Protein backbone atom coordinates (compact mmCIF):
# COMPACT_ATOMS: atom_id res chain seq x y z
CA MET A 1 13.53 -7.73 -28.71
CA ILE A 2 14.23 -4.30 -27.30
CA GLU A 3 14.14 -2.73 -30.76
CA ALA A 4 10.95 -4.62 -31.62
CA PHE A 5 9.19 -3.38 -28.48
CA GLN A 6 10.36 0.16 -29.17
CA GLN A 7 8.75 -0.06 -32.62
CA CYS A 8 5.44 -1.31 -31.14
CA LEU A 9 5.17 1.23 -28.35
CA PRO A 10 3.95 4.25 -30.35
CA ALA A 11 0.91 2.22 -31.48
CA ALA A 12 0.34 0.93 -27.94
CA GLU A 13 0.51 4.46 -26.55
CA LYS A 14 -1.81 5.81 -29.25
CA CYS A 15 -4.36 3.13 -28.33
CA GLY A 16 -3.82 3.53 -24.58
CA VAL A 17 -2.65 -0.08 -24.22
CA THR A 18 0.11 -1.08 -21.84
CA LEU A 19 2.06 -4.10 -23.06
CA GLY A 20 3.05 -6.67 -20.45
CA LEU A 21 6.11 -8.88 -20.94
CA GLU A 22 5.37 -12.20 -19.22
CA ASN A 23 7.88 -14.24 -17.28
CA HIS A 24 7.77 -17.32 -19.45
CA TRP A 25 10.16 -19.66 -21.18
CA GLY A 26 12.67 -18.29 -23.64
CA LEU A 27 13.49 -14.61 -23.20
CA GLY A 28 11.32 -14.45 -20.07
CA LEU A 29 12.90 -17.45 -18.36
CA THR A 30 14.47 -15.36 -15.58
CA PRO A 31 13.26 -12.23 -13.82
CA GLN A 32 16.57 -10.62 -14.71
CA GLY A 33 15.89 -11.28 -18.41
CA VAL A 34 12.40 -9.78 -18.22
CA MET A 35 13.60 -6.74 -16.30
CA ARG A 36 16.58 -6.24 -18.62
CA ILE A 37 14.18 -5.79 -21.54
CA VAL A 38 11.60 -3.70 -19.65
CA ASN A 39 14.27 -1.43 -18.17
CA ALA A 40 16.11 -1.03 -21.50
CA VAL A 41 12.90 -0.03 -23.28
CA ASP A 42 12.17 2.34 -20.36
CA SER A 43 8.59 3.21 -21.24
CA PRO A 44 5.40 3.28 -19.18
CA TRP A 45 3.83 1.42 -22.11
CA LEU A 46 5.91 -1.75 -21.52
CA GLN A 47 5.64 -3.31 -18.09
CA VAL A 48 5.42 -6.87 -16.68
CA THR A 49 2.76 -9.56 -16.76
CA MET A 50 3.53 -11.74 -13.74
CA ASP A 51 2.73 -15.44 -14.12
CA THR A 52 2.93 -16.97 -10.65
CA GLY A 53 3.54 -20.47 -11.95
CA ASN A 54 6.39 -19.98 -14.39
CA PHE A 55 9.28 -20.06 -11.92
CA LEU A 56 9.73 -23.65 -10.83
CA LYS A 57 12.44 -22.99 -8.21
CA ASP A 58 12.50 -20.19 -5.62
CA PRO A 59 9.46 -18.44 -7.11
CA TYR A 60 8.97 -15.84 -4.35
CA ALA A 61 12.35 -14.11 -4.71
CA LYS A 62 11.87 -14.07 -8.48
CA LEU A 63 8.32 -12.72 -8.29
CA GLU A 64 9.59 -10.02 -5.92
CA LEU A 65 11.99 -8.82 -8.63
CA LEU A 66 9.09 -8.45 -11.09
CA ALA A 67 6.58 -6.90 -8.69
CA PRO A 68 7.61 -3.24 -9.00
CA LYS A 69 6.81 -3.23 -12.74
CA THR A 70 3.87 -5.68 -12.70
CA VAL A 71 0.65 -4.47 -14.36
CA PHE A 72 -1.20 -7.80 -14.62
CA VAL A 73 -1.06 -11.08 -12.66
CA GLN A 74 -1.86 -14.56 -13.94
CA ALA A 75 -2.32 -16.73 -10.86
CA LYS A 76 -1.94 -20.45 -11.51
CA THR A 77 -3.67 -23.17 -9.51
CA TYR A 78 -3.16 -26.92 -9.77
CA PHE A 79 -6.06 -28.67 -8.05
CA GLY A 80 -5.88 -32.38 -8.80
CA GLY A 81 -2.21 -32.11 -9.77
CA GLY A 82 -0.80 -30.16 -12.65
CA THR A 83 -1.02 -31.01 -16.31
CA TRP A 84 2.71 -30.43 -16.90
CA TYR A 85 3.96 -29.85 -13.35
CA THR A 86 2.53 -28.95 -9.96
CA LEU A 87 3.57 -26.08 -7.73
CA GLU A 88 2.41 -25.52 -4.17
CA LEU A 89 2.20 -21.74 -4.27
CA ASP A 90 1.68 -19.67 -1.14
CA TYR A 91 -0.77 -17.04 -2.34
CA GLY A 92 -0.68 -15.24 1.00
CA ARG A 93 3.02 -14.68 0.42
CA ILE A 94 2.53 -13.67 -3.23
CA ALA A 95 -0.25 -11.24 -2.28
CA ALA A 96 2.03 -9.72 0.38
CA ILE A 97 4.76 -9.20 -2.22
CA LEU A 98 2.33 -7.44 -4.52
CA ARG A 99 0.87 -5.29 -1.71
CA LYS A 100 4.41 -4.28 -0.72
CA HIS A 101 4.82 -2.86 -4.23
CA ALA A 102 1.37 -1.21 -4.25
CA TYR A 103 -0.05 -3.47 -6.98
CA ARG A 104 -3.64 -2.49 -7.75
CA GLY A 105 -4.29 -4.36 -10.99
CA TYR A 106 -6.23 -7.45 -11.92
CA VAL A 107 -5.45 -10.99 -10.83
CA SER A 108 -6.62 -13.57 -13.35
CA LEU A 109 -7.01 -17.27 -12.73
CA GLU A 110 -5.02 -19.66 -14.91
CA PHE A 111 -6.13 -23.16 -13.90
CA GLU A 112 -3.72 -25.91 -14.94
CA GLY A 113 -4.88 -28.79 -12.77
CA ARG A 114 -6.44 -32.11 -13.59
CA GLU A 115 -9.43 -31.80 -11.30
CA ASN A 116 -12.77 -31.24 -12.99
CA ALA A 117 -13.13 -27.54 -13.76
CA ALA A 118 -16.64 -27.50 -12.26
CA THR A 119 -15.15 -28.05 -8.79
CA ALA A 120 -11.62 -26.73 -9.25
CA ILE A 121 -12.51 -23.29 -10.59
CA PRO A 122 -14.71 -22.35 -7.60
CA LYS A 123 -11.96 -23.59 -5.23
CA SER A 124 -9.35 -21.64 -7.17
CA LEU A 125 -11.40 -18.44 -7.11
CA ALA A 126 -12.05 -18.81 -3.37
CA LEU A 127 -8.31 -19.25 -2.78
CA LEU A 128 -7.44 -16.15 -4.78
CA ARG A 129 -10.22 -14.03 -3.28
CA ARG A 130 -9.08 -14.98 0.22
CA HIS A 131 -5.65 -13.51 -0.44
CA PHE A 132 -6.21 -10.74 -2.98
CA THR A 133 -9.30 -8.92 -1.74
CA LEU A 134 -8.86 -5.51 -0.19
CA GLY A 135 -7.82 -5.92 3.40
CA GLY A 136 -7.02 -9.61 2.77
């Protein structure tokens, strides 16, 4: 993977695109695995995409390990219970972790609940705005 990223980075740099390695299953299962790759590549053009819902146990300590290199956040919500699993995430705590590391990027909503999207999306956005707005 390290060699593959190194081969992609000249094109990413030429286009002005920062690649984000997401904490996900497989090679991104642990924060240590993600950081091992990002640190080995050692380029500003490969950073971290933080998915708040992909660590099922002790997510806050794991998200803290990713935060210094995070360039994009996917914030999961589970109104109505999750499709595959449900996490009760403390977005105040997650926002504090990101503020501590001077994160200034986007936070995107990734809704994975069973509630009707027409009601769950506005609730999800309100939740995220409450914690991720400037001064929040």
